[in-house]
Amino acid sequence: MLDSEIKLSKSNLKFKSGDWSDSFSGHIFRGELLGRHLGVIGFGRIGKEIIKRATAF
């Protein structure tokens, strides 16, 4: 969820390759997760854990 908002994995790959040219410019957290919907397919052990963690947002 956070990765889709701030493109964290993309920035991480750039930093690991040594490209610090734009740091986090353009990747500032602009979105808000509060009030958004999260779809969870399946409600087994993993689904229940995802829901527990998602309630923090």
N, C-alpha and C. Protein backbone atom coordinates (compact mmCIF):
# COMPACT_ATOMS: atom_id res chain seq x y z
N MET A 1 0.83 -1.18 0.00
CA MET A 1 0.00 0.00 0.00
C MET A 1 0.87 1.24 0.00
N LEU A 2 1.86 1.24 0.86
CA LEU A 2 2.72 2.42 0.91
C LEU A 2 3.56 2.54 -0.35
N ASP A 3 3.98 1.42 -0.88
CA ASP A 3 4.78 1.46 -2.10
C ASP A 3 4.01 2.08 -3.25
N SER A 4 2.74 1.81 -3.33
CA SER A 4 1.96 2.39 -4.42
C SER A 4 1.79 3.90 -4.25
N GLU A 5 1.88 4.38 -3.03
CA GLU A 5 1.74 5.82 -2.78
C GLU A 5 3.05 6.57 -2.96
N ILE A 6 4.16 6.03 -2.46
CA ILE A 6 5.41 6.80 -2.47
C ILE A 6 6.48 6.20 -3.37
N LYS A 7 6.17 5.14 -4.09
CA LYS A 7 7.13 4.52 -5.02
C LYS A 7 8.44 4.17 -4.31
N LEU A 8 8.32 3.59 -3.13
CA LEU A 8 9.47 3.27 -2.31
C LEU A 8 10.40 2.27 -2.97
N SER A 9 9.87 1.22 -3.59
CA SER A 9 10.74 0.21 -4.20
C SER A 9 11.52 0.78 -5.37
N LYS A 10 10.92 1.67 -6.14
CA LYS A 10 11.61 2.30 -7.26
C LYS A 10 12.78 3.16 -6.75
N SER A 11 12.52 3.94 -5.71
CA SER A 11 13.58 4.76 -5.12
C SER A 11 14.68 3.89 -4.54
N ASN A 12 14.32 2.80 -3.90
CA ASN A 12 15.30 1.89 -3.30
C ASN A 12 16.24 1.33 -4.37
N LEU A 13 15.69 0.92 -5.50
CA LEU A 13 16.53 0.39 -6.59
C LEU A 13 17.49 1.46 -7.11
N LYS A 14 17.00 2.69 -7.24
CA LYS A 14 17.87 3.77 -7.71
C LYS A 14 19.00 4.02 -6.72
N PHE A 15 18.69 4.05 -5.44
CA PHE A 15 19.70 4.31 -4.43
C PHE A 15 20.74 3.19 -4.39
N LYS A 16 20.29 1.95 -4.48
CA LYS A 16 21.21 0.81 -4.47
C LYS A 16 22.16 0.84 -5.66
N SER A 17 21.68 1.38 -6.80
CA SER A 17 22.54 1.46 -7.98
C SER A 17 23.46 2.69 -7.93
N GLY A 18 23.34 3.48 -6.88
CA GLY A 18 24.20 4.64 -6.72
C GLY A 18 23.62 5.92 -7.29
N ASP A 19 22.40 5.89 -7.76
CA ASP A 19 21.76 7.08 -8.34
C ASP A 19 21.01 7.84 -7.25
N TRP A 20 21.65 8.87 -6.72
CA TRP A 20 21.04 9.69 -5.68
C TRP A 20 20.62 11.04 -6.26
N SER A 21 20.51 11.12 -7.59
CA SER A 21 20.31 12.40 -8.27
C SER A 21 19.07 13.16 -7.81
N ASP A 22 17.97 12.49 -7.63
CA ASP A 22 16.76 13.23 -7.27
C ASP A 22 16.22 12.84 -5.90
N SER A 23 16.98 12.09 -5.13
CA SER A 23 16.53 11.65 -3.82
C SER A 23 15.06 11.29 -3.84
N PHE A 24 14.28 11.95 -3.03
CA PHE A 24 12.86 11.65 -2.99
C PHE A 24 12.02 12.72 -3.67
N SER A 25 12.65 13.60 -4.44
CA SER A 25 11.84 14.63 -5.10
C SER A 25 10.86 13.96 -6.05
N GLY A 26 9.66 14.38 -5.99
CA GLY A 26 8.62 13.77 -6.81
C GLY A 26 8.02 12.53 -6.18
N HIS A 27 8.59 12.08 -5.08
CA HIS A 27 8.09 10.88 -4.41
C HIS A 27 7.60 11.20 -3.00
N ILE A 28 7.29 12.45 -2.78
CA ILE A 28 6.81 12.86 -1.46
C ILE A 28 5.42 12.26 -1.25
N PHE A 29 5.21 11.79 -0.05
CA PHE A 29 3.92 11.19 0.28
C PHE A 29 2.83 12.24 0.13
N ARG A 30 2.04 12.10 -0.88
CA ARG A 30 0.96 13.04 -1.14
C ARG A 30 -0.41 12.42 -0.88
N GLY A 31 -0.45 11.14 -0.85
CA GLY A 31 -1.73 10.47 -0.71
C GLY A 31 -2.11 10.27 0.74
N GLU A 32 -3.27 9.81 0.93
CA GLU A 32 -3.77 9.51 2.26
C GLU A 32 -4.42 8.14 2.19
N LEU A 33 -4.04 7.27 3.10
CA LEU A 33 -4.60 5.93 3.10
C LEU A 33 -5.89 5.85 3.91
N LEU A 34 -6.08 6.81 4.80
CA LEU A 34 -7.29 6.84 5.61
C LEU A 34 -8.50 7.04 4.70
N GLY A 35 -9.48 6.19 4.85
CA GLY A 35 -10.69 6.29 4.06
C GLY A 35 -10.64 5.54 2.74
N ARG A 36 -9.51 4.93 2.43
CA ARG A 36 -9.40 4.16 1.20
C ARG A 36 -9.89 2.74 1.45
N HIS A 37 -10.17 2.03 0.38
CA HIS A 37 -10.63 0.65 0.47
C HIS A 37 -9.48 -0.30 0.15
N LEU A 38 -9.46 -1.41 0.84
CA LEU A 38 -8.47 -2.46 0.60
C LEU A 38 -9.22 -3.75 0.37
N GLY A 39 -8.98 -4.36 -0.77
CA GLY A 39 -9.60 -5.64 -1.06
C GLY A 39 -8.65 -6.77 -0.70
N VAL A 40 -9.13 -7.71 0.06
CA VAL A 40 -8.33 -8.88 0.44
C VAL A 40 -9.05 -10.11 -0.10
N ILE A 41 -8.35 -10.85 -0.93
CA ILE A 41 -8.92 -12.07 -1.50
C ILE A 41 -8.52 -13.23 -0.61
N GLY A 42 -9.48 -13.90 -0.09
CA GLY A 42 -9.22 -15.00 0.84
C GLY A 42 -9.17 -14.46 2.26
N PHE A 43 -9.60 -15.26 3.18
CA PHE A 43 -9.60 -14.82 4.57
C PHE A 43 -8.99 -15.91 5.45
N GLY A 44 -7.90 -16.49 4.92
CA GLY A 44 -7.15 -17.47 5.70
C GLY A 44 -6.18 -16.76 6.63
N ARG A 45 -5.15 -17.47 7.02
CA ARG A 45 -4.17 -16.92 7.96
C ARG A 45 -3.51 -15.65 7.42
N ILE A 46 -3.10 -15.67 6.16
CA ILE A 46 -2.42 -14.51 5.57
C ILE A 46 -3.37 -13.33 5.43
N GLY A 47 -4.57 -13.59 4.94
CA GLY A 47 -5.56 -12.53 4.80
C GLY A 47 -5.88 -11.85 6.12
N LYS A 48 -6.00 -12.65 7.17
CA LYS A 48 -6.28 -12.10 8.50
C LYS A 48 -5.13 -11.22 8.99
N GLU A 49 -3.90 -11.64 8.73
CA GLU A 49 -2.74 -10.85 9.14
C GLU A 49 -2.66 -9.54 8.36
N ILE A 50 -2.98 -9.59 7.08
CA ILE A 50 -2.99 -8.36 6.27
C ILE A 50 -4.01 -7.38 6.82
N ILE A 51 -5.18 -7.87 7.16
CA ILE A 51 -6.22 -6.99 7.69
C ILE A 51 -5.80 -6.39 9.03
N LYS A 52 -5.15 -7.18 9.88
CA LYS A 52 -4.67 -6.65 11.16
C LYS A 52 -3.72 -5.47 10.94
N ARG A 53 -2.80 -5.66 10.00
CA ARG A 53 -1.81 -4.62 9.73
C ARG A 53 -2.44 -3.41 9.04
N ALA A 54 -3.40 -3.65 8.18
CA ALA A 54 -4.02 -2.57 7.43
C ALA A 54 -4.88 -1.66 8.31
N THR A 55 -5.37 -2.18 9.41
CA THR A 55 -6.20 -1.34 10.28
C THR A 55 -5.39 -0.20 10.89
N ALA A 56 -4.07 -0.30 10.88
CA ALA A 56 -3.23 0.78 11.38
C ALA A 56 -3.28 2.00 10.47
N PHE A 57 -3.68 1.79 9.23
CA PHE A 57 -3.74 2.90 8.28
C PHE A 57 -5.14 3.42 8.18
